[in-house]
Amino acid sequence: SAGYENQRIGNVAGARETVGLTVVQKSRIQCYNCKEFRHIERECQKPKRVKDAAYHKKKMLLCKQEEAGIQLNAEQADWRDDTDDDELEDQELE
């Protein structure tokens, strides 16, 4: 028991909540459905976002640009990366 005398006893549950909140803030967990932070799409309370023809057209054009070797700007790359996760999740469910 040497070396343990000076340790403080604290609320473990409270410490976990604080650590969890810090992790969420640092990792910037974002819902792909509503674009809000602090939760993921599976836990989203809002109705699932509808993907229309314009969404798929934009996605197709960005993929074709990337395949042709045209570098996407940061906004386009972020949008494409965000949509890739949605499609992977849909495929896993099938």
PDB file of N, CA and C in Angstrom:
ATOM      1  N   SER A   1       0.822  -1.193   0.000  1.00  0.00           N
ATOM      2  CA  SER A   1       0.000   0.000   0.000  1.00  0.00           C
ATOM      3  C   SER A   1       0.864   1.254   0.000  1.00  0.00           C
ATOM      4  N   ALA A   2       2.147   1.080  -0.167  1.00  0.00           N
ATOM      5  CA  ALA A   2       3.036   2.239  -0.232  1.00  0.00           C
ATOM      6  C   ALA A   2       2.800   2.993  -1.540  1.00  0.00           C
ATOM      7  N   GLY A   3       2.731   4.297  -1.450  1.00  0.00           N
ATOM      8  CA  GLY A   3       2.551   5.111  -2.644  1.00  0.00           C
ATOM      9  C   GLY A   3       1.108   5.430  -2.963  1.00  0.00           C
ATOM     10  N   TYR A   4       0.176   4.797  -2.261  1.00  0.00           N
ATOM     11  CA  TYR A   4      -1.237   5.033  -2.535  1.00  0.00           C
ATOM     12  C   TYR A   4      -1.877   6.021  -1.563  1.00  0.00           C
ATOM     13  N   GLU A   5      -1.151   6.443  -0.540  1.00  0.00           N
ATOM     14  CA  GLU A   5      -1.736   7.302   0.489  1.00  0.00           C
ATOM     15  C   GLU A   5      -2.154   8.660  -0.061  1.00  0.00           C
ATOM     16  N   ASN A   6      -1.410   9.172  -1.017  1.00  0.00           N
ATOM     17  CA  ASN A   6      -1.648  10.532  -1.493  1.00  0.00           C
ATOM     18  C   ASN A   6      -2.641  10.604  -2.658  1.00  0.00           C
ATOM     19  N   GLN A   7      -3.153   9.471  -3.109  1.00  0.00           N
ATOM     20  CA  GLN A   7      -4.114   9.501  -4.211  1.00  0.00           C
ATOM     21  C   GLN A   7      -5.463   9.978  -3.707  1.00  0.00           C
ATOM     22  N   ARG A   8      -6.129  10.758  -4.533  1.00  0.00           N
ATOM     23  CA  ARG A   8      -7.447  11.260  -4.160  1.00  0.00           C
ATOM     24  C   ARG A   8      -8.521  10.306  -4.649  1.00  0.00           C
ATOM     25  N   ILE A   9      -9.530  10.143  -3.844  1.00  0.00           N
ATOM     26  CA  ILE A   9     -10.667   9.318  -4.227  1.00  0.00           C
ATOM     27  C   ILE A   9     -11.721  10.270  -4.777  1.00  0.00           C
ATOM     28  N   GLY A  10     -12.183  10.024  -5.997  1.00  0.00           N
ATOM     29  CA  GLY A  10     -13.153  10.930  -6.616  1.00  0.00           C
ATOM     30  C   GLY A  10     -14.339  10.175  -7.164  1.00  0.00           C
ATOM     31  N   ASN A  11     -15.245  10.898  -7.706  1.00  0.00           N
ATOM     32  CA  ASN A  11     -16.438  10.323  -8.305  1.00  0.00           C
ATOM     33  C   ASN A  11     -16.069   9.755  -9.672  1.00  0.00           C
ATOM     34  N   VAL A  12     -16.003   8.449  -9.776  1.00  0.00           N
ATOM     35  CA  VAL A  12     -15.582   7.798 -11.007  1.00  0.00           C
ATOM     36  C   VAL A  12     -16.582   8.057 -12.127  1.00  0.00           C
ATOM     37  N   ALA A  13     -17.865   7.981 -11.833  1.00  0.00           N
ATOM     38  CA  ALA A  13     -18.882   8.214 -12.864  1.00  0.00           C
ATOM     39  C   ALA A  13     -18.775   9.634 -13.402  1.00  0.00           C
ATOM     40  N   GLY A  14     -18.586  10.601 -12.535  1.00  0.00           N
ATOM     41  CA  GLY A  14     -18.427  11.991 -12.969  1.00  0.00           C
ATOM     42  C   GLY A  14     -17.201  12.169 -13.837  1.00  0.00           C
ATOM     43  N   ALA A  15     -16.134  11.482 -13.484  1.00  0.00           N
ATOM     44  CA  ALA A  15     -14.904  11.566 -14.272  1.00  0.00           C
ATOM     45  C   ALA A  15     -15.125  10.984 -15.660  1.00  0.00           C
ATOM     46  N   ARG A  16     -15.855   9.880 -15.745  1.00  0.00           N
ATOM     47  CA  ARG A  16     -16.132   9.269 -17.048  1.00  0.00           C
ATOM     48  C   ARG A  16     -16.938  10.213 -17.933  1.00  0.00           C
ATOM     49  N   GLU A  17     -17.939  10.873 -17.349  1.00  0.00           N
ATOM     50  CA  GLU A  17     -18.755  11.803 -18.131  1.00  0.00           C
ATOM     51  C   GLU A  17     -17.901  12.935 -18.678  1.00  0.00           C
ATOM     52  N   THR A  18     -17.012  13.463 -17.853  1.00  0.00           N
ATOM     53  CA  THR A  18     -16.146  14.557 -18.282  1.00  0.00           C
ATOM     54  C   THR A  18     -15.218  14.088 -19.387  1.00  0.00           C
ATOM     55  N   VAL A  19     -14.619  12.926 -19.227  1.00  0.00           N
ATOM     56  CA  VAL A  19     -13.719  12.383 -20.237  1.00  0.00           C
ATOM     57  C   VAL A  19     -14.487  12.128 -21.524  1.00  0.00           C
ATOM     58  N   GLY A  20     -15.668  11.544 -21.432  1.00  0.00           N
ATOM     59  CA  GLY A  20     -16.473  11.273 -22.621  1.00  0.00           C
ATOM     60  C   GLY A  20     -16.816  12.538 -23.374  1.00  0.00           C
ATOM     61  N   LEU A  21     -17.184  13.584 -22.657  1.00  0.00           N
ATOM     62  CA  LEU A  21     -17.526  14.855 -23.280  1.00  0.00           C
ATOM     63  C   LEU A  21     -16.309  15.444 -23.979  1.00  0.00           C
ATOM     64  N   THR A  22     -15.155  15.351 -23.346  1.00  0.00           N
ATOM     65  CA  THR A  22     -13.925  15.864 -23.937  1.00  0.00           C
ATOM     66  C   THR A  22     -13.602  15.112 -25.220  1.00  0.00           C
ATOM     67  N   VAL A  23     -13.757  13.808 -25.218  1.00  0.00           N
ATOM     68  CA  VAL A  23     -13.481  12.996 -26.404  1.00  0.00           C
ATOM     69  C   VAL A  23     -14.411  13.403 -27.537  1.00  0.00           C
ATOM     70  N   VAL A  24     -15.691  13.585 -27.249  1.00  0.00           N
ATOM     71  CA  VAL A  24     -16.655  13.986 -28.278  1.00  0.00           C
ATOM     72  C   VAL A  24     -16.270  15.338 -28.852  1.00  0.00           C
ATOM     73  N   GLN A  25     -15.889  16.284 -28.004  1.00  0.00           N
ATOM     74  CA  GLN A  25     -15.530  17.613 -28.486  1.00  0.00           C
ATOM     75  C   GLN A  25     -14.262  17.579 -29.329  1.00  0.00           C
ATOM     76  N   LYS A  26     -13.291  16.775 -28.941  1.00  0.00           N
ATOM     77  CA  LYS A  26     -12.042  16.713 -29.689  1.00  0.00           C
ATOM     78  C   LYS A  26     -12.211  15.968 -31.005  1.00  0.00           C
ATOM     79  N   SER A  27     -12.970  14.889 -31.006  1.00  0.00           N
ATOM     80  CA  SER A  27     -13.107  14.094 -32.222  1.00  0.00           C
ATOM     81  C   SER A  27     -14.148  14.676 -33.161  1.00  0.00           C
ATOM     82  N   ARG A  28     -14.974  15.610 -32.679  1.00  0.00           N
ATOM     83  CA  ARG A  28     -15.987  16.272 -33.491  1.00  0.00           C
ATOM     84  C   ARG A  28     -16.909  15.254 -34.165  1.00  0.00           C
ATOM     85  N   ILE A  29     -17.480  14.355 -33.382  1.00  0.00           N
ATOM     86  CA  ILE A  29     -18.421  13.371 -33.900  1.00  0.00           C
ATOM     87  C   ILE A  29     -19.600  14.115 -34.495  1.00  0.00           C
ATOM     88  N   GLN A  30     -19.937  13.786 -35.748  1.00  0.00           N
ATOM     89  CA  GLN A  30     -20.997  14.506 -36.442  1.00  0.00           C
ATOM     90  C   GLN A  30     -21.968  13.524 -37.079  1.00  0.00           C
ATOM     91  N   CYS A  31     -23.233  13.846 -36.972  1.00  0.00           N
ATOM     92  CA  CYS A  31     -24.279  13.042 -37.593  1.00  0.00           C
ATOM     93  C   CYS A  31     -24.334  13.383 -39.078  1.00  0.00           C
ATOM     94  N   TYR A  32     -24.283  12.374 -39.935  1.00  0.00           N
ATOM     95  CA  TYR A  32     -24.354  12.613 -41.376  1.00  0.00           C
ATOM     96  C   TYR A  32     -25.778  12.906 -41.828  1.00  0.00           C
ATOM     97  N   ASN A  33     -26.744  12.628 -40.995  1.00  0.00           N
ATOM     98  CA  ASN A  33     -28.141  12.874 -41.342  1.00  0.00           C
ATOM     99  C   ASN A  33     -28.506  14.346 -41.160  1.00  0.00           C
ATOM    100  N   CYS A  34     -28.293  14.880 -39.960  1.00  0.00           N
ATOM    101  CA  CYS A  34     -28.717  16.256 -39.665  1.00  0.00           C
ATOM    102  C   CYS A  34     -27.542  17.226 -39.589  1.00  0.00           C
ATOM    103  N   LYS A  35     -26.314  16.726 -39.688  1.00  0.00           N
ATOM    104  CA  LYS A  35     -25.085  17.525 -39.653  1.00  0.00           C
ATOM    105  C   LYS A  35     -24.823  18.175 -38.298  1.00  0.00           C
ATOM    106  N   GLU A  36     -25.490  17.723 -37.252  1.00  0.00           N
ATOM    107  CA  GLU A  36     -25.231  18.234 -35.908  1.00  0.00           C
ATOM    108  C   GLU A  36     -24.132  17.396 -35.262  1.00  0.00           C
ATOM    109  N   PHE A  37     -23.503  17.955 -34.235  1.00  0.00           N
ATOM    110  CA  PHE A  37     -22.424  17.268 -33.544  1.00  0.00           C
ATOM    111  C   PHE A  37     -22.952  16.577 -32.294  1.00  0.00           C
ATOM    112  N   ARG A  38     -22.148  15.703 -31.714  1.00  0.00           N
ATOM    113  CA  ARG A  38     -22.391  15.008 -30.448  1.00  0.00           C
ATOM    114  C   ARG A  38     -23.216  13.736 -30.583  1.00  0.00           C
ATOM    115  N   HIS A  39     -23.622  13.333 -31.780  1.00  0.00           N
ATOM    116  CA  HIS A  39     -24.264  12.030 -31.948  1.00  0.00           C
ATOM    117  C   HIS A  39     -23.993  11.539 -33.367  1.00  0.00           C
ATOM    118  N   ILE A  40     -24.247  10.264 -33.598  1.00  0.00           N
ATOM    119  CA  ILE A  40     -24.047   9.690 -34.925  1.00  0.00           C
ATOM    120  C   ILE A  40     -25.400   9.395 -35.551  1.00  0.00           C
ATOM    121  N   GLU A  41     -25.385   9.053 -36.830  1.00  0.00           N
ATOM    122  CA  GLU A  41     -26.628   8.879 -37.583  1.00  0.00           C
ATOM    123  C   GLU A  41     -27.551   7.840 -36.948  1.00  0.00           C
ATOM    124  N   ARG A  42     -27.000   6.747 -36.460  1.00  0.00           N
ATOM    125  CA  ARG A  42     -27.837   5.699 -35.848  1.00  0.00           C
ATOM    126  C   ARG A  42     -28.639   6.223 -34.669  1.00  0.00           C
ATOM    127  N   GLU A  43     -28.092   7.214 -33.954  1.00  0.00           N
ATOM    128  CA  GLU A  43     -28.743   7.753 -32.764  1.00  0.00           C
ATOM    129  C   GLU A  43     -29.557   9.012 -33.056  1.00  0.00           C
ATOM    130  N   CYS A  44     -29.645   9.417 -34.320  1.00  0.00           N
ATOM    131  CA  CYS A  44     -30.320  10.663 -34.695  1.00  0.00           C
ATOM    132  C   CYS A  44     -31.828  10.526 -34.511  1.00  0.00           C
ATOM    133  N   GLN A  45     -32.435  11.550 -33.902  1.00  0.00           N
ATOM    134  CA  GLN A  45     -33.872  11.553 -33.647  1.00  0.00           C
ATOM    135  C   GLN A  45     -34.656  12.159 -34.813  1.00  0.00           C
ATOM    136  N   LYS A  46     -33.964  12.793 -35.755  1.00  0.00           N
ATOM    137  CA  LYS A  46     -34.635  13.449 -36.880  1.00  0.00           C
ATOM    138  C   LYS A  46     -34.888  12.435 -37.995  1.00  0.00           C
ATOM    139  N   PRO A  47     -35.904  12.673 -38.835  1.00  0.00           N
ATOM    140  CA  PRO A  47     -36.177  11.750 -39.947  1.00  0.00           C
ATOM    141  C   PRO A  47     -34.970  11.653 -40.876  1.00  0.00           C
ATOM    142  N   LYS A  48     -34.801  10.478 -41.475  1.00  0.00           N
ATOM    143  CA  LYS A  48     -33.661  10.257 -42.353  1.00  0.00           C
ATOM    144  C   LYS A  48     -33.728  11.196 -43.553  1.00  0.00           C
ATOM    145  N   ARG A  49     -32.588  11.770 -43.897  1.00  0.00           N
ATOM    146  CA  ARG A  49     -32.487  12.721 -45.002  1.00  0.00           C
ATOM    147  C   ARG A  49     -32.737  11.993 -46.324  1.00  0.00           C
ATOM    148  N   VAL A  50     -33.562  12.583 -47.156  1.00  0.00           N
ATOM    149  CA  VAL A  50     -33.884  11.992 -48.457  1.00  0.00           C
ATOM    150  C   VAL A  50     -32.790  12.380 -49.447  1.00  0.00           C
ATOM    151  N   LYS A  51     -32.323  11.412 -50.211  1.00  0.00           N
ATOM    152  CA  LYS A  51     -31.313  11.666 -51.232  1.00  0.00           C
ATOM    153  C   LYS A  51     -32.034  11.752 -52.570  1.00  0.00           C
ATOM    154  N   ASP A  52     -31.974  12.919 -53.187  1.00  0.00           N
ATOM    155  CA  ASP A  52     -32.685  13.117 -54.444  1.00  0.00           C
ATOM    156  C   ASP A  52     -31.734  13.009 -55.633  1.00  0.00           C
ATOM    157  N   ALA A  53     -32.261  13.270 -56.821  1.00  0.00           N
ATOM    158  CA  ALA A  53     -31.471  13.152 -58.046  1.00  0.00           C
ATOM    159  C   ALA A  53     -30.286  14.120 -58.039  1.00  0.00           C
ATOM    160  N   ALA A  54     -30.477  15.323 -57.504  1.00  0.00           N
ATOM    161  CA  ALA A  54     -29.387  16.304 -57.469  1.00  0.00           C
ATOM    162  C   ALA A  54     -28.233  15.798 -56.603  1.00  0.00           C
ATOM    163  N   TYR A  55     -28.568  15.137 -55.505  1.00  0.00           N
ATOM    164  CA  TYR A  55     -27.556  14.562 -54.613  1.00  0.00           C
ATOM    165  C   TYR A  55     -26.718  13.535 -55.378  1.00  0.00           C
ATOM    166  N   HIS A  56     -27.382  12.624 -56.080  1.00  0.00           N
ATOM    167  CA  HIS A  56     -26.664  11.566 -56.801  1.00  0.00           C
ATOM    168  C   HIS A  56     -25.874  12.126 -57.980  1.00  0.00           C
ATOM    169  N   LYS A  57     -26.408  13.161 -58.642  1.00  0.00           N
ATOM    170  CA  LYS A  57     -25.696  13.780 -59.758  1.00  0.00           C
ATOM    171  C   LYS A  57     -24.402  14.427 -59.259  1.00  0.00           C
ATOM    172  N   LYS A  58     -24.491  15.155 -58.140  1.00  0.00           N
ATOM    173  CA  LYS A  58     -23.311  15.801 -57.565  1.00  0.00           C
ATOM    174  C   LYS A  58     -22.273  14.757 -57.178  1.00  0.00           C
ATOM    175  N   LYS A  59     -22.728  13.683 -56.560  1.00  0.00           N
ATOM    176  CA  LYS A  59     -21.836  12.603 -56.140  1.00  0.00           C
ATOM    177  C   LYS A  59     -21.128  11.986 -57.351  1.00  0.00           C
ATOM    178  N   MET A  60     -21.894  11.729 -58.420  1.00  0.00           N
ATOM    179  CA  MET A  60     -21.336  11.117 -59.622  1.00  0.00           C
ATOM    180  C   MET A  60     -20.293  12.039 -60.262  1.00  0.00           C
ATOM    181  N   LEU A  61     -20.594  13.332 -60.370  1.00  0.00           N
ATOM    182  CA  LEU A  61     -19.654  14.274 -60.974  1.00  0.00           C
ATOM    183  C   LEU A  61     -18.359  14.371 -60.170  1.00  0.00           C
ATOM    184  N   LEU A  62     -18.469  14.389 -58.852  1.00  0.00           N
ATOM    185  CA  LEU A  62     -17.265  14.450 -58.017  1.00  0.00           C
ATOM    186  C   LEU A  62     -16.415  13.190 -58.180  1.00  0.00           C
ATOM    187  N   CYS A  63     -17.063  12.045 -58.249  1.00  0.00           N
ATOM    188  CA  CYS A  63     -16.317  10.784 -58.430  1.00  0.00           C
ATOM    189  C   CYS A  63     -15.630  10.749 -59.788  1.00  0.00           C
ATOM    190  N   LYS A  64     -16.327  11.226 -60.834  1.00  0.00           N
ATOM    191  CA  LYS A  64     -15.723  11.257 -62.172  1.00  0.00           C
ATOM    192  C   LYS A  64     -14.533  12.212 -62.214  1.00  0.00           C
ATOM    193  N   GLN A  65     -14.654  13.365 -61.553  1.00  0.00           N
ATOM    194  CA  GLN A  65     -13.537  14.313 -61.497  1.00  0.00           C
ATOM    195  C   GLN A  65     -12.337  13.676 -60.804  1.00  0.00           C
ATOM    196  N   GLU A  66     -12.599  12.982 -59.722  1.00  0.00           N
ATOM    197  CA  GLU A  66     -11.513  12.347 -58.977  1.00  0.00           C
ATOM    198  C   GLU A  66     -10.847  11.249 -59.814  1.00  0.00           C
ATOM    199  N   GLU A  67     -11.650  10.449 -60.512  1.00  0.00           N
ATOM    200  CA  GLU A  67     -11.096   9.383 -61.359  1.00  0.00           C
ATOM    201  C   GLU A  67     -10.270   9.955 -62.508  1.00  0.00           C
ATOM    202  N   ALA A  68     -10.657  11.138 -63.010  1.00  0.00           N
ATOM    203  CA  ALA A  68      -9.932  11.771 -64.113  1.00  0.00           C
ATOM    204  C   ALA A  68      -8.650  12.448 -63.637  1.00  0.00           C
ATOM    205  N   GLY A  69      -8.407  12.432 -62.339  1.00  0.00           N
ATOM    206  CA  GLY A  69      -7.189  13.009 -61.799  1.00  0.00           C
ATOM    207  C   GLY A  69      -7.310  14.476 -61.454  1.00  0.00           C
ATOM    208  N   ILE A  70      -8.523  15.019 -61.504  1.00  0.00           N
ATOM    209  CA  ILE A  70      -8.746  16.417 -61.132  1.00  0.00           C
ATOM    210  C   ILE A  70      -8.833  16.487 -59.616  1.00  0.00           C
ATOM    211  N   GLN A  71      -8.021  17.353 -59.032  1.00  0.00           N
ATOM    212  CA  GLN A  71      -8.004  17.462 -57.573  1.00  0.00           C
ATOM    213  C   GLN A  71      -9.240  18.218 -57.097  1.00  0.00           C
ATOM    214  N   LEU A  72      -9.921  17.640 -56.115  1.00  0.00           N
ATOM    215  CA  LEU A  72     -11.109  18.270 -55.547  1.00  0.00           C
ATOM    216  C   LEU A  72     -10.692  19.303 -54.515  1.00  0.00           C
ATOM    217  N   ASN A  73     -11.479  20.379 -54.398  1.00  0.00           N
ATOM    218  CA  ASN A  73     -11.180  21.344 -53.337  1.00  0.00           C
ATOM    219  C   ASN A  73     -11.625  20.744 -52.006  1.00  0.00           C
ATOM    220  N   ALA A  74     -11.275  21.396 -50.918  1.00  0.00           N
ATOM    221  CA  ALA A  74     -11.528  20.837 -49.581  1.00  0.00           C
ATOM    222  C   ALA A  74     -13.012  20.604 -49.336  1.00  0.00           C
ATOM    223  N   GLU A  75     -13.853  21.548 -49.755  1.00  0.00           N
ATOM    224  CA  GLU A  75     -15.298  21.412 -49.534  1.00  0.00           C
ATOM    225  C   GLU A  75     -15.862  20.209 -50.298  1.00  0.00           C
ATOM    226  N   GLN A  76     -15.431  20.042 -51.552  1.00  0.00           N
ATOM    227  CA  GLN A  76     -15.902  18.907 -52.352  1.00  0.00           C
ATOM    228  C   GLN A  76     -15.431  17.587 -51.756  1.00  0.00           C
ATOM    229  N   ALA A  77     -14.186  17.535 -51.333  1.00  0.00           N
ATOM    230  CA  ALA A  77     -13.645  16.303 -50.757  1.00  0.00           C
ATOM    231  C   ALA A  77     -14.369  15.948 -49.462  1.00  0.00           C
ATOM    232  N   ASP A  78     -14.646  16.958 -48.631  1.00  0.00           N
ATOM    233  CA  ASP A  78     -15.379  16.712 -47.383  1.00  0.00           C
ATOM    234  C   ASP A  78     -16.776  16.190 -47.668  1.00  0.00           C
ATOM    235  N   TRP A  79     -17.451  16.784 -48.651  1.00  0.00           N
ATOM    236  CA  TRP A  79     -18.816  16.347 -48.993  1.00  0.00           C
ATOM    237  C   TRP A  79     -18.790  14.899 -49.481  1.00  0.00           C
ATOM    238  N   ARG A  80     -17.822  14.589 -50.346  1.00  0.00           N
ATOM    239  CA  ARG A  80     -17.710  13.229 -50.875  1.00  0.00           C
ATOM    240  C   ARG A  80     -17.404  12.238 -49.757  1.00  0.00           C
ATOM    241  N   ASP A  81     -16.506  12.609 -48.852  1.00  0.00           N
ATOM    242  CA  ASP A  81     -16.164  11.727 -47.736  1.00  0.00           C
ATOM    243  C   ASP A  81     -17.367  11.501 -46.830  1.00  0.00           C
ATOM    244  N   ASP A  82     -18.148  12.550 -46.584  1.00  0.00           N
ATOM    245  CA  ASP A  82     -19.349  12.424 -45.752  1.00  0.00           C
ATOM    246  C   ASP A  82     -20.352  11.474 -46.377  1.00  0.00           C
ATOM    247  N   THR A  83     -20.496  11.524 -47.694  1.00  0.00           N
ATOM    248  CA  THR A  83     -21.492  10.683 -48.355  1.00  0.00           C
ATOM    249  C   THR A  83     -21.026   9.247 -48.487  1.00  0.00           C
ATOM    250  N   ASP A  84     -19.726   9.004 -48.523  1.00  0.00           N
ATOM    251  CA  ASP A  84     -19.218   7.628 -48.617  1.00  0.00           C
ATOM    252  C   ASP A  84     -19.661   6.794 -47.430  1.00  0.00           C
ATOM    253  N   ASP A  85     -19.660   7.363 -46.236  1.00  0.00           N
ATOM    254  CA  ASP A  85     -20.050   6.626 -45.038  1.00  0.00           C
ATOM    255  C   ASP A  85     -21.512   6.203 -45.101  1.00  0.00           C
ATOM    256  N   ASP A  86     -22.373   7.067 -45.641  1.00  0.00           N
ATOM    257  CA  ASP A  86     -23.792   6.731 -45.767  1.00  0.00           C
ATOM    258  C   ASP A  86     -23.977   5.510 -46.659  1.00  0.00           C
ATOM    259  N   GLU A  87     -23.272   5.497 -47.785  1.00  0.00           N
ATOM    260  CA  GLU A  87     -23.441   4.398 -48.729  1.00  0.00           C
ATOM    261  C   GLU A  87     -22.896   3.092 -48.173  1.00  0.00           C
ATOM    262  N   LEU A  88     -21.778   3.144 -47.471  1.00  0.00           N
ATOM    263  CA  LEU A  88     -21.225   1.929 -46.880  1.00  0.00           C
ATOM    264  C   LEU A  88     -22.187   1.348 -45.856  1.00  0.00           C
ATOM    265  N   GLU A  89     -22.793   2.213 -45.058  1.00  0.00           N
ATOM    266  CA  GLU A  89     -23.725   1.754 -44.035  1.00  0.00           C
ATOM    267  C   GLU A  89     -24.958   1.122 -44.690  1.00  0.00           C
ATOM    268  N   ASP A  90     -25.439   1.719 -45.792  1.00  0.00           N
ATOM    269  CA  ASP A  90     -26.589   1.162 -46.501  1.00  0.00           C
ATOM    270  C   ASP A  90     -26.267  -0.223 -47.063  1.00  0.00           C
ATOM    271  N   GLN A  91     -25.050  -0.407 -47.587  1.00  0.00           N
ATOM    272  CA  GLN A  91     -24.668  -1.698 -48.152  1.00  0.00           C
ATOM    273  C   GLN A  91     -24.576  -2.767 -47.074  1.00  0.00           C
ATOM    274  N   GLU A  92     -24.111  -2.393 -45.885  1.00  0.00           N
ATOM    275  CA  GLU A  92     -23.987  -3.361 -44.796  1.00  0.00           C
ATOM    276  C   GLU A  92     -25.351  -3.876 -44.360  1.00  0.00           C
ATOM    277  N   LEU A  93     -26.376  -3.038 -44.477  1.00  0.00           N
ATOM    278  CA  LEU A  93     -27.711  -3.429 -44.043  1.00  0.00           C
ATOM    279  C   LEU A  93     -28.364  -4.419 -45.004  1.00  0.00           C
ATOM    280  N   GLU A  94     -27.948  -4.411 -46.265  1.00  0.00           N
ATOM    281  CA  GLU A  94     -28.585  -5.275 -47.267  1.00  0.00           C
ATOM    282  C   GLU A  94     -28.226  -6.730 -47.130  1.00  0.00           C
TER     283      GLU A  94
END
